[in-house]
Protein backbone atom coordinates (compact mmCIF):
# COMPACT_ATOMS: atom_id res chain seq x y z
CA MET A 1 25.59 74.03 1.82
CA SER A 2 22.04 75.23 2.57
CA LYS A 3 21.15 77.52 5.46
CA ARG A 4 18.78 74.88 6.77
CA GLU A 5 21.57 72.30 6.78
CA SER A 6 23.85 74.70 8.66
CA ILE A 7 21.21 75.44 11.30
CA ALA A 8 20.52 71.71 11.69
CA ARG A 9 24.26 71.19 12.29
CA TYR A 10 24.29 73.94 14.93
CA ASN A 11 21.45 72.14 16.67
CA LEU A 12 23.34 68.84 16.64
CA ILE A 13 26.48 70.44 18.06
CA ILE A 14 24.48 71.97 20.90
CA LYS A 15 22.70 68.67 21.59
CA LYS A 16 26.00 66.79 21.72
CA LEU A 17 27.59 69.25 24.13
CA ARG A 18 24.50 69.46 26.33
CA LYS A 19 24.87 65.74 26.97
CA THR A 20 28.60 65.76 27.60
CA PRO A 21 31.64 67.96 26.93
CA SER A 22 33.48 66.52 23.90
CA ASN A 23 36.61 66.98 21.86
CA PHE A 24 36.53 67.80 18.16
CA ASN A 25 37.00 64.18 17.06
CA GLU A 26 34.03 63.04 19.16
CA ILE A 27 31.88 65.84 17.74
CA SER A 28 32.98 64.95 14.19
CA GLU A 29 32.05 61.29 14.72
CA TYR A 30 28.63 62.33 16.00
CA LEU A 31 28.05 64.62 13.00
CA ALA A 32 29.11 61.82 10.63
CA PHE A 33 26.62 59.44 12.24
CA GLU A 34 23.82 61.99 11.99
CA SER A 35 24.75 62.64 8.35
CA ASP A 36 24.09 58.99 7.52
CA PHE A 37 20.96 58.91 9.67
CA GLN A 38 19.32 62.12 8.37
CA GLY A 39 20.59 62.09 4.81
CA TYR A 40 22.50 65.38 5.06
CA ASP A 41 26.18 66.24 5.02
CA PHE A 42 26.97 67.62 8.47
CA ASN A 43 30.71 66.91 8.22
CA VAL A 44 32.87 70.01 8.78
CA SER A 45 36.51 70.97 9.03
CA LYS A 46 37.86 72.36 12.28
CA ARG A 47 37.96 75.82 10.71
CA THR A 48 34.27 75.61 9.77
CA PHE A 49 33.50 74.26 13.23
CA GLN A 50 35.05 77.38 14.79
CA ARG A 51 32.80 79.53 12.59
CA ASP A 52 29.85 77.42 13.72
CA LEU A 53 30.62 78.28 17.34
CA GLU A 54 30.51 81.99 16.49
CA ASP A 55 27.19 81.53 14.66
CA ILE A 56 25.73 79.60 17.59
CA ARG A 57 26.79 82.38 19.95
CA SER A 58 25.19 84.97 17.68
CA LEU A 59 21.95 83.11 16.89
CA TYR A 60 21.20 81.37 20.18
CA ASN A 61 23.28 83.36 22.66
CA ILE A 62 24.86 80.04 23.69
CA ASP A 63 28.56 80.31 24.46
CA ILE A 64 30.61 77.18 23.67
CA GLN A 65 34.12 77.35 25.11
CA TYR A 66 37.19 75.15 24.91
CA ASP A 67 38.54 73.79 28.19
CA TYR A 68 42.31 73.59 27.67
CA SER A 69 42.88 71.49 30.79
CA LYS A 70 40.38 68.79 29.78
CA LYS A 71 40.79 69.39 26.02
CA VAL A 72 37.06 69.41 25.38
CA TYR A 73 34.42 71.85 24.19
CA GLN A 74 31.60 72.62 26.60
CA ILE A 75 28.63 74.96 26.96
CA ALA A 76 29.35 77.77 29.39
CA ASP A 77 26.99 78.16 32.34
CA ASN A 78 23.95 80.32 31.61
CA ASP A 79 21.27 81.87 33.80
CA GLN A 80 18.34 81.10 31.49
CA PRO A 81 18.51 77.39 30.61
CA GLU A 82 14.74 77.21 29.99
CA VAL A 83 15.09 79.68 27.11
CA TYR A 84 17.64 77.47 25.32
CA GLU A 85 15.55 74.37 25.95
CA ARG A 86 12.61 76.01 24.22
CA ILE A 87 14.77 77.14 21.30
CA MET A 88 15.98 73.57 20.79
CA GLU A 89 12.47 72.20 21.20
CA ALA A 90 11.11 74.62 18.60
CA PHE A 91 13.84 73.72 16.13
CA ASP A 92 13.31 69.98 16.67
CA THR A 93 9.64 70.48 15.79
CA PHE A 94 10.52 72.59 12.75
CA ASN A 95 13.07 70.04 11.57
CA ALA A 96 10.59 67.17 11.90
CA LEU A 97 7.81 68.99 10.06
CA ASN A 98 9.88 70.57 7.30
CA ILE A 99 10.28 67.40 5.27
CA ASN A 100 9.62 66.77 1.61
CA ASP A 101 7.19 63.87 1.66
CA ARG A 102 3.61 64.04 2.89
CA ILE A 103 3.33 64.18 6.67
CA SER A 104 -0.44 63.92 7.16
CA ASP A 105 -0.30 60.14 7.56
CA HIS A 106 2.50 60.23 10.14
CA ILE A 107 1.86 63.21 12.41
CA HIS A 108 -1.41 63.99 14.14
CA PHE A 109 -1.82 67.66 15.05
CA GLU A 110 -3.91 69.00 17.89
CA LYS A 111 -6.87 70.84 16.39
CA ARG A 112 -6.81 74.29 17.93
CA LYS A 113 -7.02 77.96 17.14
CA PRO A 114 -3.86 80.08 16.81
CA HIS A 115 -2.39 81.18 20.14
CA GLY A 116 -1.63 84.78 19.24
CA THR A 117 2.11 84.25 18.86
CA GLU A 118 2.18 86.70 15.94
CA ASN A 119 2.13 89.46 18.58
CA LEU A 120 5.00 88.09 20.68
CA TYR A 121 7.69 90.13 18.96
CA GLY A 122 5.64 93.32 19.09
CA PHE A 123 5.07 92.99 22.82
CA LEU A 124 8.72 92.13 23.45
CA HIS A 125 9.73 95.29 21.60
CA ALA A 126 7.28 97.40 23.60
CA ILE A 127 8.43 95.86 26.91
CA LYS A 128 12.08 96.46 26.12
CA LYS A 129 11.53 100.04 24.91
CA LYS A 130 8.95 100.75 27.66
CA LYS A 131 6.29 101.86 25.21
CA GLN A 132 2.57 101.89 25.92
CA VAL A 133 0.40 99.77 23.62
CA ASN A 134 -3.21 99.75 22.51
CA PHE A 135 -5.26 96.77 21.37
CA ILE A 136 -8.81 95.47 21.09
CA TYR A 137 -9.56 92.76 23.65
CA CYS A 138 -12.36 90.24 24.13
CA LYS A 139 -12.60 88.31 27.42
CA TYR A 140 -13.33 84.58 27.41
CA TRP A 141 -16.54 85.08 29.40
CA ASP A 142 -17.75 88.17 27.54
CA ASP A 143 -18.27 88.70 23.81
CA LYS A 144 -18.00 92.46 24.20
CA GLN A 145 -14.83 93.92 22.70
CA THR A 146 -13.02 96.76 24.46
CA VAL A 147 -10.11 99.01 23.56
CA ARG A 148 -7.27 98.64 26.07
CA GLN A 149 -4.41 101.03 26.76
CA VAL A 150 -1.71 99.32 28.80
CA SER A 151 1.92 99.42 29.87
CA PRO A 152 3.31 95.92 29.14
CA TYR A 153 5.65 94.49 31.79
CA ALA A 154 6.26 90.86 30.81
CA LEU A 155 5.10 87.85 28.81
CA LYS A 156 4.06 84.61 30.49
CA GLU A 157 3.21 81.18 29.10
CA PHE A 158 0.66 78.81 30.64
CA ARG A 159 -0.97 75.73 29.13
CA ASN A 160 0.50 76.45 25.68
CA ARG A 161 -1.02 79.93 25.71
CA TRP A 162 0.79 83.24 25.95
CA TYR A 163 -0.27 86.16 28.12
CA VAL A 164 0.99 89.71 28.49
CA LEU A 165 1.17 91.12 32.02
CA ALA A 166 0.43 94.81 31.88
CA MET A 167 -0.68 97.84 33.88
CA ASP A 168 -4.14 98.81 32.65
CA LYS A 169 -4.25 102.59 32.17
CA LYS A 170 -7.95 102.68 33.14
CA ASP A 171 -7.62 101.51 36.75
CA LYS A 172 -3.83 101.22 37.27
CA GLN A 173 -4.13 97.49 38.01
CA ILE A 174 -1.72 94.81 36.79
CA LYS A 175 -3.66 92.32 34.67
CA SER A 176 -3.03 89.40 32.35
CA PHE A 177 -4.31 89.47 28.77
CA ALA A 178 -4.40 86.36 26.58
CA LEU A 179 -2.65 87.01 23.29
CA ASP A 180 -5.15 84.90 21.37
CA ARG A 181 -7.97 87.17 22.57
CA LEU A 182 -6.51 90.46 21.35
CA ARG A 183 -6.11 92.04 17.94
CA ASP A 184 -5.04 95.27 16.25
CA LEU A 185 -1.94 95.75 18.40
CA VAL A 186 -0.53 99.28 18.17
CA ILE A 187 2.80 100.23 19.76
CA THR A 188 2.62 103.93 20.65
CA ASN A 189 5.39 106.50 21.17
CA LEU A 190 4.27 107.07 24.78
CA ASP A 191 6.83 105.99 27.38
CA PHE A 192 5.98 104.42 30.73
CA GLU A 193 7.76 103.71 34.00
CA THR A 194 7.64 100.18 35.40
CA HIS A 195 5.95 99.92 38.78
CA MET A 196 8.76 100.07 41.35
CA ASN A 197 7.54 97.07 43.36
CA PHE A 198 6.64 94.77 40.47
CA ASN A 199 8.79 91.75 39.65
CA VAL A 200 7.17 89.11 37.44
CA ASN A 201 9.14 86.22 38.98
CA GLU A 202 8.24 87.27 42.51
CA HIS A 203 4.66 88.02 41.48
CA TYR A 204 4.12 84.43 40.30
CA LYS A 205 6.58 82.66 42.60
CA HIS A 206 3.80 80.93 44.56
CA CYS A 207 1.13 80.86 41.84
CA PHE A 208 -0.14 77.96 39.78
CA GLY A 209 -1.22 79.23 36.39
CA ILE A 210 -1.88 82.74 35.19
CA ILE A 211 -4.30 84.10 37.80
CA SER A 212 -2.70 86.60 40.15
CA PRO A 213 -2.57 86.02 43.92
CA ASN A 214 -5.91 86.45 45.65
CA ALA A 215 -4.61 86.33 49.22
CA GLU A 216 -1.97 88.10 51.28
CA GLN A 217 0.14 85.00 51.88
CA PRO A 218 0.54 81.63 50.07
CA GLU A 219 -0.62 78.53 51.92
CA GLU A 220 0.94 75.14 52.53
CA VAL A 221 -0.89 72.64 50.34
CA GLU A 222 -0.53 68.93 51.10
CA LEU A 223 -1.75 66.43 48.51
CA SER A 224 -1.91 62.64 48.46
CA PHE A 225 -1.89 60.81 45.11
CA GLU A 226 -2.41 57.16 44.31
CA PRO A 227 0.95 55.51 43.47
CA PHE A 228 0.29 55.23 39.73
CA GLN A 229 -0.70 58.89 39.39
CA GLY A 230 2.22 59.74 41.65
CA LYS A 231 4.67 58.60 38.97
CA TYR A 232 3.39 61.35 36.67
CA ILE A 233 3.53 63.93 39.45
CA LYS A 234 7.17 63.06 40.11
CA SER A 235 8.12 63.19 36.43
CA LEU A 236 6.26 66.47 35.84
CA PRO A 237 5.98 68.38 39.15
CA LEU A 238 2.94 70.55 39.72
CA HIS A 239 5.07 73.49 40.84
CA GLU A 240 8.66 74.39 41.61
CA THR A 241 7.88 74.38 45.36
CA GLN A 242 6.90 70.69 45.21
CA GLU A 243 8.42 68.64 48.03
CA ILE A 244 7.95 64.87 48.44
CA LEU A 245 6.84 63.82 51.93
CA ILE A 246 5.89 60.17 51.37
CA ASP A 247 6.66 57.93 48.40
CA ASP A 248 5.74 54.28 48.92
CA GLU A 249 3.44 51.56 47.60
CA ASN A 250 0.38 53.29 49.13
CA GLU A 251 0.73 56.91 48.10
CA LEU A 252 2.80 59.82 46.89
CA ARG A 253 2.31 62.71 49.28
CA ILE A 254 3.66 66.12 48.38
CA ARG A 255 3.74 69.59 49.88
CA LEU A 256 3.55 72.84 47.93
CA LYS A 257 3.45 76.49 48.92
CA LEU A 258 0.85 78.20 46.76
CA TYR A 259 -1.92 80.74 46.59
CA ILE A 260 -5.31 79.05 46.31
CA THR A 261 -6.53 80.26 42.91
CA HIS A 262 -9.12 79.10 40.39
CA ASP A 263 -6.34 77.72 38.18
CA LEU A 264 -5.07 75.52 41.03
CA VAL A 265 -8.56 74.26 41.91
CA MET A 266 -9.28 73.35 38.27
CA GLU A 267 -5.98 71.46 38.05
CA LEU A 268 -6.71 69.46 41.21
CA LEU A 269 -10.25 68.64 40.08
CA SER A 270 -8.79 67.08 36.92
CA TYR A 271 -7.16 64.30 38.99
CA GLY A 272 -10.54 62.99 40.17
CA ASP A 273 -10.45 60.16 42.66
CA SER A 274 -6.68 59.64 42.35
CA LEU A 275 -6.10 62.69 44.57
CA LYS A 276 -6.95 63.55 48.16
CA VAL A 277 -6.34 67.02 49.59
CA ILE A 278 -4.85 66.66 53.08
CA GLN A 279 -4.62 70.38 53.78
CA PRO A 280 -5.66 73.17 53.89
CA ASP A 281 -9.20 72.42 55.00
CA ASN A 282 -10.76 75.17 52.90
CA LEU A 283 -9.24 73.71 49.72
CA ALA A 284 -10.46 70.20 50.61
CA ALA A 285 -13.95 71.58 51.26
CA ASN A 286 -13.91 73.44 47.94
CA LEU A 287 -13.11 70.28 45.96
CA LYS A 288 -15.62 68.24 47.94
CA SER A 289 -18.36 70.77 47.19
CA GLN A 290 -17.60 70.83 43.47
CA PHE A 291 -17.47 67.04 43.19
CA SER A 292 -20.79 66.79 45.07
CA ARG A 293 -22.41 69.28 42.72
CA ALA A 294 -21.07 67.40 39.69
CA ALA A 295 -22.41 64.11 41.10
CA SER A 296 -25.86 65.67 41.58
CA TYR A 297 -26.14 66.17 37.82
CA TYR A 298 -26.33 62.37 37.35
CA LYS A 299 -28.97 61.56 39.97
């Protein structure tokens, strides 16, 4: 049995139990079905299945337990469900792409530059060990390269790009650096102490995107979408603070609590005439001004 086949089986077991707790017979039937469907042999004995549970716990940090009262296996509660979702998503992609026949006629890839993920592990190591790092950085709006010495605090993803949040040694400010804009990462032996008041989740709790707060307090943002666009906003909320106020045949109106940042403004501009900003007034005026300027280009 190949390693790839074993990992694929682990993935199927997790998928099955994420949908519903199941007994061994139900899991076996599901694996038999997938064996026929995918052309692999995922069938296992109960003894091998028990070893699979240990491997899943070791590889994915997902604990599958047996409920003796209900006589089913189930995934134990975890405090980081988004991490496991991404692991499964990544493996689904790998499994779909790692096939023997040509894939160019069946899958259309987005044409883009690498996102700097080769440095993810290095930064994670430095964050965990609290080690300062050096790298060469080039801003999006400036071709000049600079050497940065920073204390990395956390990694953050936005729009399929990864950023490291770090204290810049030069001015002691917490900044975000895009991983695809840096190179020559060096992890030093110099230790650092995390800023006492910094918590990445609190720091971005009321932010849309990667830009740090530019005001003392977040504002209540009220937006009205046309019904059709509203369906997308309901299926993929703009932010975790999203609250539905009105949902009828005329509009979807939502309320969010956010800092007004450039990232937020750019997102709202992308909805064009399917969105109306109800409040705050300064945000509505900002969008109105930018749309007016854009319209003037076509006079």
